Amino acid sequence: MAAATPTSPRGSGTPDTVVGPLDLAARVDEALAVQALAFGLTQDEIDVRRHIVLRHLDHPQARALGATTADGRLVGFVYGLPNDRAHWWSTVVEPYLRATGSEEWLDGSFVITELHVHPEFQQRGIGRSLITTITDAAGLPRSILSAIDTESPARGLYRALGYQDLARQVLFPSAPKPYAVMGADLPLRRG
C-alpha cells in the first residue's frame, strides 16, 4: 500500500485528514455510512452493498485507501481492483463500450469500484488524493470507473484528472439513473 499522504482541508477549524491504507473489511460499516451520506443510500441498499464490498475484497489484488481525521474518523474511502471481464460490472458495461468502440478499455485497467467522501469534507482535495494515490500504485496503464451520468462535482473531478467518457446512458439493473463509463490513462493528470 502507498504511504500515508496528509491532506489539509481548506475549511477553518476542520481537522486535517490523512490518506493511507485502509482495512476496508474491518471498517466496512463506517465506509458504507460515508457512502450512504455521500450517495443517498437507503438501509436496504447499504445491506446489499456490504455483501458486494466484502466479496470484492476477496480478490487478491483489491486495494483500499481511507481518509481519516486526526481522531481516526473515516471521512472518505476508495477501493478498486484490476478489471476482469467475468465480473458483473464488466458484463453490464461491455455492450455499451463495444457500441462506442471502447471495449479495449476493459483490458489492462484498474477499476475504481467506489470513491466517496463525507459531504462535510467534500471540495477539499480528499477525493483527488484518494483516487490519485490508489491509481499511482495500480501497476496498470489505465483506469476505468462509472459515475452517474449527470454534470456533478465528481464528474468534474474525474475530467480534471484525465478521465473521458467512454460510454453514456449506461443502465445498471435496479439503478434509478443512467451512468457514464469513464477511462483515463495512468498516471492521472495532476494540477
N, C-alpha and C. Protein backbone atom coordinates (compact mmCIF):
# COMPACT_ATOMS: atom_id res chain seq x y z
N MET A 1 0.82 -1.19 0.00
CA MET A 1 0.00 0.00 0.00
C MET A 1 0.87 1.25 0.00
N ALA A 2 0.29 2.33 -0.47
CA ALA A 2 1.02 3.59 -0.54
C ALA A 2 1.19 4.19 0.85
N ALA A 3 2.17 5.02 1.01
CA ALA A 3 2.38 5.70 2.28
C ALA A 3 1.28 6.71 2.51
N ALA A 4 1.04 7.01 3.78
CA ALA A 4 0.00 7.97 4.14
C ALA A 4 0.36 9.34 3.57
N THR A 5 -0.65 10.01 3.04
CA THR A 5 -0.47 11.32 2.45
C THR A 5 -1.36 12.31 3.19
N PRO A 6 -0.79 13.31 3.89
CA PRO A 6 -1.64 14.28 4.57
C PRO A 6 -2.38 15.15 3.57
N THR A 7 -3.61 15.42 3.88
CA THR A 7 -4.43 16.30 3.06
C THR A 7 -4.99 17.36 3.99
N SER A 8 -4.66 18.60 3.79
CA SER A 8 -5.14 19.66 4.67
C SER A 8 -6.41 20.26 4.11
N PRO A 9 -7.54 20.10 4.81
CA PRO A 9 -8.77 20.71 4.35
C PRO A 9 -8.66 22.23 4.37
N ARG A 10 -9.40 22.88 3.49
CA ARG A 10 -9.36 24.33 3.39
C ARG A 10 -10.22 25.00 4.45
N GLY A 11 -11.23 24.27 4.94
CA GLY A 11 -12.15 24.88 5.91
C GLY A 11 -11.47 25.12 7.24
N SER A 12 -11.76 26.24 7.86
CA SER A 12 -11.15 26.53 9.15
C SER A 12 -11.79 25.67 10.23
N GLY A 13 -10.97 25.31 11.20
CA GLY A 13 -11.48 24.54 12.33
C GLY A 13 -11.72 23.07 12.02
N THR A 14 -11.48 22.63 10.79
CA THR A 14 -11.69 21.23 10.43
C THR A 14 -10.37 20.49 10.61
N PRO A 15 -10.38 19.36 11.28
CA PRO A 15 -9.11 18.65 11.47
C PRO A 15 -8.54 18.16 10.15
N ASP A 16 -7.21 18.07 10.10
CA ASP A 16 -6.55 17.54 8.91
C ASP A 16 -6.93 16.08 8.72
N THR A 17 -6.82 15.64 7.50
CA THR A 17 -7.08 14.23 7.20
C THR A 17 -5.80 13.61 6.65
N VAL A 18 -5.70 12.31 6.83
CA VAL A 18 -4.57 11.56 6.30
C VAL A 18 -5.12 10.48 5.39
N VAL A 19 -4.57 10.39 4.18
CA VAL A 19 -4.93 9.33 3.24
C VAL A 19 -3.90 8.23 3.37
N GLY A 20 -4.38 7.01 3.60
CA GLY A 20 -3.47 5.89 3.74
C GLY A 20 -4.20 4.57 3.62
N PRO A 21 -3.47 3.47 3.83
CA PRO A 21 -4.07 2.13 3.72
C PRO A 21 -5.28 1.99 4.63
N LEU A 22 -6.27 1.24 4.15
CA LEU A 22 -7.50 1.03 4.90
C LEU A 22 -7.83 -0.46 4.90
N ASP A 23 -8.05 -1.01 6.08
CA ASP A 23 -8.58 -2.37 6.19
C ASP A 23 -10.09 -2.24 6.00
N LEU A 24 -10.50 -2.23 4.75
CA LEU A 24 -11.90 -1.97 4.42
C LEU A 24 -12.83 -3.04 4.97
N ALA A 25 -12.40 -4.29 5.01
CA ALA A 25 -13.25 -5.35 5.56
C ALA A 25 -13.56 -5.06 7.03
N ALA A 26 -12.58 -4.59 7.77
CA ALA A 26 -12.78 -4.31 9.19
C ALA A 26 -13.61 -3.04 9.42
N ARG A 27 -13.58 -2.12 8.45
CA ARG A 27 -14.26 -0.83 8.62
C ARG A 27 -15.37 -0.64 7.59
N VAL A 28 -15.89 -1.75 7.07
CA VAL A 28 -16.89 -1.67 6.00
C VAL A 28 -18.13 -0.89 6.43
N ASP A 29 -18.57 -1.05 7.66
CA ASP A 29 -19.78 -0.34 8.08
C ASP A 29 -19.55 1.17 8.16
N GLU A 30 -18.36 1.59 8.61
CA GLU A 30 -18.02 3.02 8.62
C GLU A 30 -17.97 3.56 7.19
N ALA A 31 -17.34 2.80 6.30
CA ALA A 31 -17.23 3.23 4.90
C ALA A 31 -18.61 3.35 4.27
N LEU A 32 -19.47 2.37 4.52
CA LEU A 32 -20.81 2.43 3.92
C LEU A 32 -21.65 3.55 4.53
N ALA A 33 -21.38 3.93 5.76
CA ALA A 33 -22.07 5.09 6.34
C ALA A 33 -21.67 6.36 5.60
N VAL A 34 -20.38 6.48 5.24
CA VAL A 34 -19.92 7.62 4.44
C VAL A 34 -20.59 7.57 3.07
N GLN A 35 -20.60 6.40 2.44
CA GLN A 35 -21.21 6.27 1.12
C GLN A 35 -22.70 6.60 1.18
N ALA A 36 -23.38 6.16 2.22
CA ALA A 36 -24.82 6.43 2.34
C ALA A 36 -25.09 7.93 2.38
N LEU A 37 -24.27 8.67 3.12
CA LEU A 37 -24.44 10.13 3.19
C LEU A 37 -24.08 10.79 1.86
N ALA A 38 -22.97 10.35 1.25
CA ALA A 38 -22.49 10.97 0.02
C ALA A 38 -23.36 10.63 -1.18
N PHE A 39 -23.96 9.44 -1.15
CA PHE A 39 -24.65 8.92 -2.33
C PHE A 39 -26.16 8.79 -2.11
N GLY A 40 -26.62 9.01 -0.88
CA GLY A 40 -28.04 8.95 -0.59
C GLY A 40 -28.62 7.55 -0.62
N LEU A 41 -27.99 6.61 0.08
CA LEU A 41 -28.44 5.21 0.07
C LEU A 41 -29.44 4.93 1.17
N THR A 42 -30.36 4.01 0.91
CA THR A 42 -31.27 3.52 1.93
C THR A 42 -30.59 2.39 2.70
N GLN A 43 -31.17 2.00 3.82
CA GLN A 43 -30.59 0.90 4.60
C GLN A 43 -30.58 -0.39 3.79
N ASP A 44 -31.62 -0.65 3.00
CA ASP A 44 -31.62 -1.86 2.16
C ASP A 44 -30.47 -1.84 1.16
N GLU A 45 -30.20 -0.68 0.56
CA GLU A 45 -29.09 -0.57 -0.39
C GLU A 45 -27.75 -0.76 0.32
N ILE A 46 -27.62 -0.23 1.52
CA ILE A 46 -26.39 -0.42 2.30
C ILE A 46 -26.17 -1.90 2.58
N ASP A 47 -27.22 -2.61 2.96
CA ASP A 47 -27.10 -4.03 3.27
C ASP A 47 -26.62 -4.82 2.06
N VAL A 48 -27.16 -4.52 0.88
CA VAL A 48 -26.75 -5.20 -0.34
C VAL A 48 -25.29 -4.86 -0.66
N ARG A 49 -24.93 -3.58 -0.57
CA ARG A 49 -23.57 -3.15 -0.90
C ARG A 49 -22.53 -3.74 0.05
N ARG A 50 -22.91 -3.97 1.30
CA ARG A 50 -21.98 -4.56 2.26
C ARG A 50 -21.48 -5.91 1.75
N HIS A 51 -22.39 -6.73 1.27
CA HIS A 51 -22.00 -8.04 0.74
C HIS A 51 -21.15 -7.90 -0.52
N ILE A 52 -21.48 -6.94 -1.36
CA ILE A 52 -20.72 -6.72 -2.59
C ILE A 52 -19.28 -6.30 -2.26
N VAL A 53 -19.13 -5.34 -1.34
CA VAL A 53 -17.80 -4.86 -0.97
C VAL A 53 -16.97 -6.02 -0.42
N LEU A 54 -17.54 -6.78 0.50
CA LEU A 54 -16.78 -7.88 1.10
C LEU A 54 -16.40 -8.93 0.06
N ARG A 55 -17.27 -9.18 -0.91
CA ARG A 55 -16.94 -10.13 -1.98
C ARG A 55 -15.80 -9.59 -2.85
N HIS A 56 -15.83 -8.30 -3.18
CA HIS A 56 -14.75 -7.70 -3.98
C HIS A 56 -13.41 -7.81 -3.25
N LEU A 57 -13.43 -7.66 -1.94
CA LEU A 57 -12.19 -7.68 -1.17
C LEU A 57 -11.55 -9.06 -1.13
N ASP A 58 -12.27 -10.09 -1.56
CA ASP A 58 -11.68 -11.42 -1.67
C ASP A 58 -10.67 -11.50 -2.82
N HIS A 59 -10.75 -10.56 -3.76
CA HIS A 59 -9.82 -10.55 -4.89
C HIS A 59 -8.42 -10.23 -4.35
N PRO A 60 -7.42 -11.02 -4.72
CA PRO A 60 -6.08 -10.81 -4.15
C PRO A 60 -5.44 -9.46 -4.49
N GLN A 61 -5.91 -8.79 -5.56
CA GLN A 61 -5.33 -7.51 -5.94
C GLN A 61 -6.23 -6.32 -5.61
N ALA A 62 -7.28 -6.55 -4.81
CA ALA A 62 -8.13 -5.45 -4.38
C ALA A 62 -7.32 -4.55 -3.45
N ARG A 63 -7.51 -3.26 -3.61
CA ARG A 63 -6.80 -2.28 -2.80
C ARG A 63 -7.81 -1.28 -2.26
N ALA A 64 -7.54 -0.79 -1.04
CA ALA A 64 -8.41 0.21 -0.43
C ALA A 64 -7.58 1.24 0.31
N LEU A 65 -8.03 2.48 0.21
CA LEU A 65 -7.43 3.58 0.95
C LEU A 65 -8.54 4.32 1.68
N GLY A 66 -8.18 4.92 2.80
CA GLY A 66 -9.14 5.72 3.55
C GLY A 66 -8.58 7.09 3.85
N ALA A 67 -9.47 8.01 4.10
CA ALA A 67 -9.11 9.34 4.58
C ALA A 67 -9.66 9.45 5.99
N THR A 68 -8.76 9.65 6.95
CA THR A 68 -9.18 9.70 8.34
C THR A 68 -8.76 11.03 8.97
N THR A 69 -9.53 11.44 9.93
CA THR A 69 -9.21 12.65 10.69
C THR A 69 -8.18 12.29 11.76
N ALA A 70 -7.68 13.30 12.44
CA ALA A 70 -6.67 13.10 13.49
C ALA A 70 -7.19 12.17 14.59
N ASP A 71 -8.49 12.16 14.81
CA ASP A 71 -9.05 11.28 15.86
C ASP A 71 -9.49 9.92 15.32
N GLY A 72 -9.13 9.61 14.06
CA GLY A 72 -9.40 8.28 13.50
C GLY A 72 -10.73 8.12 12.79
N ARG A 73 -11.49 9.20 12.66
CA ARG A 73 -12.80 9.13 11.98
C ARG A 73 -12.58 8.94 10.48
N LEU A 74 -13.24 7.96 9.91
CA LEU A 74 -13.17 7.71 8.47
C LEU A 74 -14.11 8.69 7.77
N VAL A 75 -13.55 9.54 6.89
CA VAL A 75 -14.36 10.56 6.21
C VAL A 75 -14.34 10.39 4.70
N GLY A 76 -13.61 9.40 4.21
CA GLY A 76 -13.58 9.13 2.78
C GLY A 76 -12.89 7.80 2.54
N PHE A 77 -13.21 7.19 1.41
CA PHE A 77 -12.56 5.93 1.06
C PHE A 77 -12.65 5.70 -0.44
N VAL A 78 -11.73 4.89 -0.91
CA VAL A 78 -11.73 4.44 -2.29
C VAL A 78 -11.29 2.99 -2.27
N TYR A 79 -11.86 2.21 -3.18
CA TYR A 79 -11.30 0.88 -3.39
C TYR A 79 -11.49 0.49 -4.84
N GLY A 80 -10.65 -0.44 -5.27
CA GLY A 80 -10.72 -0.90 -6.63
C GLY A 80 -9.86 -2.13 -6.83
N LEU A 81 -9.86 -2.62 -8.07
CA LEU A 81 -9.13 -3.83 -8.41
C LEU A 81 -8.93 -3.88 -9.91
N PRO A 82 -7.98 -4.70 -10.37
CA PRO A 82 -7.83 -4.84 -11.82
C PRO A 82 -9.12 -5.38 -12.43
N ASN A 83 -9.48 -4.87 -13.60
CA ASN A 83 -10.73 -5.31 -14.22
C ASN A 83 -10.63 -6.77 -14.65
N ASP A 84 -11.74 -7.43 -14.57
CA ASP A 84 -11.88 -8.82 -15.02
C ASP A 84 -13.18 -8.86 -15.82
N ARG A 85 -13.09 -9.25 -17.07
CA ARG A 85 -14.28 -9.27 -17.93
C ARG A 85 -15.38 -10.20 -17.42
N ALA A 86 -15.04 -11.13 -16.53
CA ALA A 86 -16.05 -12.03 -15.98
C ALA A 86 -16.83 -11.41 -14.82
N HIS A 87 -16.34 -10.29 -14.27
CA HIS A 87 -17.05 -9.64 -13.17
C HIS A 87 -18.34 -9.01 -13.66
N TRP A 88 -19.30 -8.94 -12.78
CA TRP A 88 -20.63 -8.43 -13.09
C TRP A 88 -20.58 -7.05 -13.75
N TRP A 89 -19.81 -6.13 -13.18
CA TRP A 89 -19.75 -4.77 -13.71
C TRP A 89 -19.33 -4.78 -15.18
N SER A 90 -18.29 -5.56 -15.48
CA SER A 90 -17.80 -5.64 -16.87
C SER A 90 -18.83 -6.21 -17.81
N THR A 91 -19.58 -7.20 -17.34
CA THR A 91 -20.59 -7.80 -18.23
C THR A 91 -21.70 -6.81 -18.54
N VAL A 92 -21.98 -5.90 -17.61
CA VAL A 92 -23.01 -4.89 -17.86
C VAL A 92 -22.50 -3.82 -18.81
N VAL A 93 -21.27 -3.32 -18.59
CA VAL A 93 -20.79 -2.19 -19.39
C VAL A 93 -20.22 -2.59 -20.75
N GLU A 94 -19.83 -3.84 -20.90
CA GLU A 94 -19.18 -4.28 -22.15
C GLU A 94 -20.00 -3.97 -23.40
N PRO A 95 -21.30 -4.26 -23.47
CA PRO A 95 -22.03 -3.93 -24.71
C PRO A 95 -22.04 -2.42 -25.02
N TYR A 96 -22.08 -1.59 -23.98
CA TYR A 96 -22.06 -0.15 -24.19
C TYR A 96 -20.70 0.30 -24.72
N LEU A 97 -19.64 -0.27 -24.16
CA LEU A 97 -18.29 0.07 -24.64
C LEU A 97 -18.06 -0.45 -26.05
N ARG A 98 -18.57 -1.63 -26.35
CA ARG A 98 -18.44 -2.17 -27.70
C ARG A 98 -19.14 -1.25 -28.70
N ALA A 99 -20.30 -0.74 -28.33
CA ALA A 99 -21.07 0.14 -29.23
C ALA A 99 -20.34 1.44 -29.53
N THR A 100 -19.48 1.89 -28.62
CA THR A 100 -18.73 3.14 -28.84
C THR A 100 -17.30 2.88 -29.31
N GLY A 101 -16.96 1.62 -29.56
CA GLY A 101 -15.61 1.28 -29.99
C GLY A 101 -14.58 1.38 -28.88
N SER A 102 -15.01 1.26 -27.63
CA SER A 102 -14.12 1.43 -26.47
C SER A 102 -13.94 0.15 -25.67
N GLU A 103 -14.31 -0.98 -26.22
CA GLU A 103 -14.27 -2.24 -25.48
C GLU A 103 -12.88 -2.58 -24.95
N GLU A 104 -11.82 -2.15 -25.65
CA GLU A 104 -10.45 -2.49 -25.23
C GLU A 104 -10.12 -1.92 -23.85
N TRP A 105 -10.88 -0.94 -23.38
CA TRP A 105 -10.66 -0.37 -22.05
C TRP A 105 -10.91 -1.38 -20.93
N LEU A 106 -11.61 -2.46 -21.25
CA LEU A 106 -11.86 -3.49 -20.23
C LEU A 106 -10.62 -4.32 -19.93
N ASP A 107 -9.61 -4.21 -20.76
CA ASP A 107 -8.37 -4.97 -20.57
C ASP A 107 -7.27 -4.04 -20.08
N GLY A 108 -6.48 -4.50 -19.12
CA GLY A 108 -5.36 -3.72 -18.62
C GLY A 108 -5.77 -2.47 -17.87
N SER A 109 -6.94 -2.51 -17.22
CA SER A 109 -7.44 -1.34 -16.50
C SER A 109 -7.67 -1.65 -15.02
N PHE A 110 -7.42 -0.64 -14.21
CA PHE A 110 -7.74 -0.69 -12.78
C PHE A 110 -9.10 -0.02 -12.61
N VAL A 111 -10.05 -0.74 -12.05
CA VAL A 111 -11.40 -0.21 -11.86
C VAL A 111 -11.51 0.48 -10.51
N ILE A 112 -11.92 1.73 -10.52
CA ILE A 112 -12.29 2.41 -9.28
C ILE A 112 -13.71 1.96 -8.99
N THR A 113 -13.84 1.08 -8.02
CA THR A 113 -15.14 0.49 -7.72
C THR A 113 -16.02 1.47 -6.94
N GLU A 114 -15.45 2.08 -5.92
CA GLU A 114 -16.18 3.08 -5.13
C GLU A 114 -15.21 4.16 -4.71
N LEU A 115 -15.67 5.39 -4.70
CA LEU A 115 -14.94 6.54 -4.18
C LEU A 115 -15.97 7.48 -3.57
N HIS A 116 -15.88 7.68 -2.27
CA HIS A 116 -16.86 8.53 -1.60
C HIS A 116 -16.19 9.34 -0.50
N VAL A 117 -16.64 10.58 -0.35
CA VAL A 117 -16.15 11.46 0.71
C VAL A 117 -17.38 12.00 1.44
N HIS A 118 -17.30 11.99 2.76
CA HIS A 118 -18.38 12.52 3.60
C HIS A 118 -18.72 13.94 3.12
N PRO A 119 -20.00 14.29 2.99
CA PRO A 119 -20.37 15.62 2.48
C PRO A 119 -19.70 16.79 3.20
N GLU A 120 -19.47 16.68 4.50
CA GLU A 120 -18.83 17.76 5.25
C GLU A 120 -17.36 17.94 4.88
N PHE A 121 -16.78 16.96 4.21
CA PHE A 121 -15.36 17.00 3.87
C PHE A 121 -15.12 17.10 2.36
N GLN A 122 -16.18 17.27 1.58
CA GLN A 122 -16.03 17.37 0.14
C GLN A 122 -15.47 18.73 -0.26
N GLN A 123 -14.93 18.80 -1.49
CA GLN A 123 -14.36 20.02 -2.06
C GLN A 123 -13.12 20.48 -1.31
N ARG A 124 -12.37 19.52 -0.76
CA ARG A 124 -11.14 19.83 -0.03
C ARG A 124 -9.93 19.06 -0.57
N GLY A 125 -10.10 18.39 -1.70
CA GLY A 125 -8.99 17.65 -2.28
C GLY A 125 -8.84 16.23 -1.78
N ILE A 126 -9.73 15.78 -0.92
CA ILE A 126 -9.64 14.43 -0.37
C ILE A 126 -9.92 13.38 -1.44
N GLY A 127 -10.97 13.57 -2.21
CA GLY A 127 -11.29 12.63 -3.28
C GLY A 127 -10.16 12.54 -4.29
N ARG A 128 -9.59 13.67 -4.66
CA ARG A 128 -8.45 13.72 -5.59
C ARG A 128 -7.27 12.93 -5.02
N SER A 129 -6.96 13.14 -3.74
CA SER A 129 -5.84 12.45 -3.12
C SER A 129 -6.10 10.94 -3.06
N LEU A 130 -7.32 10.54 -2.74
CA LEU A 130 -7.65 9.12 -2.68
C LEU A 130 -7.47 8.45 -4.04
N ILE A 131 -8.04 9.04 -5.09
CA ILE A 131 -8.01 8.38 -6.40
C ILE A 131 -6.62 8.42 -7.03
N THR A 132 -5.88 9.51 -6.85
CA THR A 132 -4.54 9.54 -7.44
C THR A 132 -3.59 8.59 -6.70
N THR A 133 -3.73 8.49 -5.40
CA THR A 133 -2.86 7.60 -4.63
C THR A 133 -3.12 6.15 -4.98
N ILE A 134 -4.38 5.76 -5.09
CA ILE A 134 -4.67 4.35 -5.39
C ILE A 134 -4.29 3.99 -6.82
N THR A 135 -4.51 4.90 -7.77
CA THR A 135 -4.15 4.57 -9.16
C THR A 135 -2.64 4.63 -9.38
N ASP A 136 -1.94 5.48 -8.64
CA ASP A 136 -0.47 5.52 -8.77
C ASP A 136 0.14 4.16 -8.42
N ALA A 137 -0.49 3.42 -7.53
CA ALA A 137 0.04 2.12 -7.10
C ALA A 137 -0.58 0.94 -7.86
N ALA A 138 -1.42 1.22 -8.84
CA ALA A 138 -2.18 0.16 -9.52
C ALA A 138 -1.31 -0.75 -10.38
N GLY A 139 -0.25 -0.21 -10.96
CA GLY A 139 0.60 -1.02 -11.82
C GLY A 139 -0.02 -1.40 -13.15
N LEU A 140 -1.00 -0.64 -13.59
CA LEU A 140 -1.67 -0.88 -14.87
C LEU A 140 -1.62 0.41 -15.69
N PRO A 141 -1.79 0.32 -17.01
CA PRO A 141 -1.65 1.51 -17.85
C PRO A 141 -2.85 2.46 -17.85
N ARG A 142 -3.99 2.01 -17.33
CA ARG A 142 -5.17 2.88 -17.36
C ARG A 142 -6.16 2.51 -16.28
N SER A 143 -7.15 3.39 -16.12
CA SER A 143 -8.18 3.21 -15.09
C SER A 143 -9.55 3.47 -15.71
N ILE A 144 -10.53 2.75 -15.22
CA ILE A 144 -11.92 2.98 -15.64
C ILE A 144 -12.80 3.05 -14.40
N LEU A 145 -13.95 3.69 -14.57
CA LEU A 145 -14.92 3.83 -13.48
C LEU A 145 -16.28 4.14 -14.08
N SER A 146 -17.29 4.07 -13.26
CA SER A 146 -18.62 4.52 -13.68
C SER A 146 -19.12 5.55 -12.68
N ALA A 147 -19.85 6.53 -13.20
CA ALA A 147 -20.41 7.61 -12.38
C ALA A 147 -21.78 7.96 -12.94
N ILE A 148 -22.65 8.43 -12.07
CA ILE A 148 -23.97 8.84 -12.54
C ILE A 148 -23.80 9.83 -13.68
N ASP A 149 -24.54 9.61 -14.76
CA ASP A 149 -24.39 10.38 -15.99
C ASP A 149 -25.12 11.72 -15.89
N THR A 150 -24.55 12.58 -15.07
CA THR A 150 -25.05 13.94 -14.92
C THR A 150 -23.85 14.82 -14.60
N GLU A 151 -23.97 16.10 -14.87
CA GLU A 151 -22.87 17.00 -14.52
C GLU A 151 -22.87 17.15 -13.00
N SER A 152 -21.74 16.83 -12.40
CA SER A 152 -21.62 16.83 -10.96
C SER A 152 -20.18 17.16 -10.58
N PRO A 153 -19.95 17.53 -9.33
CA PRO A 153 -18.56 17.74 -8.90
C PRO A 153 -17.70 16.50 -9.12
N ALA A 154 -18.24 15.32 -8.92
CA ALA A 154 -17.47 14.08 -9.12
C ALA A 154 -17.04 13.96 -10.58
N ARG A 155 -17.96 14.16 -11.50
CA ARG A 155 -17.60 14.07 -12.93
C ARG A 155 -16.59 15.15 -13.29
N GLY A 156 -16.72 16.34 -12.71
CA GLY A 156 -15.74 17.40 -12.95
C GLY A 156 -14.35 17.00 -12.45
N LEU A 157 -14.28 16.39 -11.28
CA LEU A 157 -13.00 15.91 -10.76
C LEU A 157 -12.41 14.87 -11.69
N TYR A 158 -13.21 13.90 -12.11
CA TYR A 158 -12.69 12.85 -12.98
C TYR A 158 -12.16 13.43 -14.29
N ARG A 159 -12.87 14.39 -14.86
CA ARG A 159 -12.39 15.02 -16.10
C ARG A 159 -11.07 15.77 -15.86
N ALA A 160 -10.99 16.47 -14.73
CA ALA A 160 -9.76 17.21 -14.41
C ALA A 160 -8.57 16.27 -14.27
N LEU A 161 -8.82 15.03 -13.87
CA LEU A 161 -7.76 14.04 -13.70
C LEU A 161 -7.42 13.32 -15.00
N GLY A 162 -8.20 13.58 -16.05
CA GLY A 162 -7.92 12.98 -17.35
C GLY A 162 -8.92 11.92 -17.80
N TYR A 163 -9.91 11.62 -16.99
CA TYR A 163 -10.93 10.66 -17.41
C TYR A 163 -11.79 11.27 -18.50
N GLN A 164 -12.12 10.45 -19.50
CA GLN A 164 -13.01 10.86 -20.58
C GLN A 164 -14.17 9.89 -20.67
N ASP A 165 -15.29 10.37 -21.17
CA ASP A 165 -16.45 9.49 -21.35
C ASP A 165 -16.14 8.45 -22.41
N LEU A 166 -16.37 7.19 -22.05
CA LEU A 166 -16.25 6.07 -22.99
C LEU A 166 -17.62 5.61 -23.47
N ALA A 167 -18.60 5.70 -22.59
CA ALA A 167 -19.99 5.35 -22.92
C ALA A 167 -20.90 6.11 -21.96
N ARG A 168 -22.04 6.52 -22.46
CA ARG A 168 -23.00 7.27 -21.62
C ARG A 168 -24.34 6.56 -21.66
N GLN A 169 -25.18 6.94 -20.72
CA GLN A 169 -26.53 6.37 -20.60
C GLN A 169 -26.46 4.85 -20.40
N VAL A 170 -25.50 4.42 -19.58
CA VAL A 170 -25.34 3.01 -19.24
C VAL A 170 -26.33 2.68 -18.14
N LEU A 171 -27.12 1.65 -18.38
CA LEU A 171 -28.15 1.26 -17.42
C LEU A 171 -27.72 0.02 -16.65
N PHE A 172 -27.64 0.18 -15.32
CA PHE A 172 -27.36 -0.95 -14.44
C PHE A 172 -28.69 -1.46 -13.89
N PRO A 173 -28.86 -2.77 -13.77
CA PRO A 173 -30.09 -3.30 -13.19
C PRO A 173 -30.35 -2.69 -11.82
N SER A 174 -31.54 -2.26 -11.60
CA SER A 174 -32.05 -1.68 -10.35
C SER A 174 -31.50 -0.29 -10.04
N ALA A 175 -30.63 0.27 -10.86
CA ALA A 175 -30.16 1.64 -10.63
C ALA A 175 -31.18 2.61 -11.22
N PRO A 176 -31.60 3.59 -10.45
CA PRO A 176 -32.65 4.50 -10.94
C PRO A 176 -32.18 5.50 -11.99
N LYS A 177 -30.87 5.73 -12.07
CA LYS A 177 -30.34 6.72 -13.01
C LYS A 177 -29.29 6.08 -13.91
N PRO A 178 -29.16 6.58 -15.15
CA PRO A 178 -28.10 6.07 -16.03
C PRO A 178 -26.72 6.54 -15.59
N TYR A 179 -25.72 5.77 -15.97
CA TYR A 179 -24.33 6.05 -15.62
C TYR A 179 -23.52 6.34 -16.87
N ALA A 180 -22.36 6.94 -16.67
CA ALA A 180 -21.35 7.09 -17.71
C ALA A 180 -20.16 6.23 -17.29
N VAL A 181 -19.54 5.58 -18.26
CA VAL A 181 -18.29 4.87 -18.02
C VAL A 181 -17.19 5.78 -18.53
N MET A 182 -16.19 5.99 -17.67
CA MET A 182 -15.10 6.91 -17.98
C MET A 182 -13.77 6.18 -17.88
N GLY A 183 -12.79 6.61 -18.68
CA GLY A 183 -11.48 5.99 -18.65
C GLY A 183 -10.39 7.04 -18.74
N ALA A 184 -9.23 6.71 -18.12
CA ALA A 184 -8.07 7.61 -18.16
C ALA A 184 -6.80 6.79 -18.21
N ASP A 185 -5.83 7.31 -18.97
CA ASP A 185 -4.50 6.73 -18.93
C ASP A 185 -3.87 7.06 -17.59
N LEU A 186 -3.01 6.14 -17.11
CA LEU A 186 -2.30 6.37 -15.85
C LEU A 186 -0.84 6.74 -16.16
N PRO A 187 -0.23 7.57 -15.34
CA PRO A 187 -0.78 8.18 -14.13
C PRO A 187 -1.80 9.26 -14.47
N LEU A 188 -2.68 9.51 -13.50
CA LEU A 188 -3.69 10.54 -13.69
C LEU A 188 -3.04 11.92 -13.77
N ARG A 189 -3.72 12.79 -14.49
CA ARG A 189 -3.27 14.17 -14.67
C ARG A 189 -3.21 14.88 -13.31
N ARG A 190 -2.21 15.70 -13.11
CA ARG A 190 -2.08 16.48 -11.88
C ARG A 190 -2.31 17.95 -12.20
N GLY A 191 -2.63 18.72 -11.13
CA GLY A 191 -2.76 20.17 -11.29
C GLY A 191 -4.04 20.50 -11.85
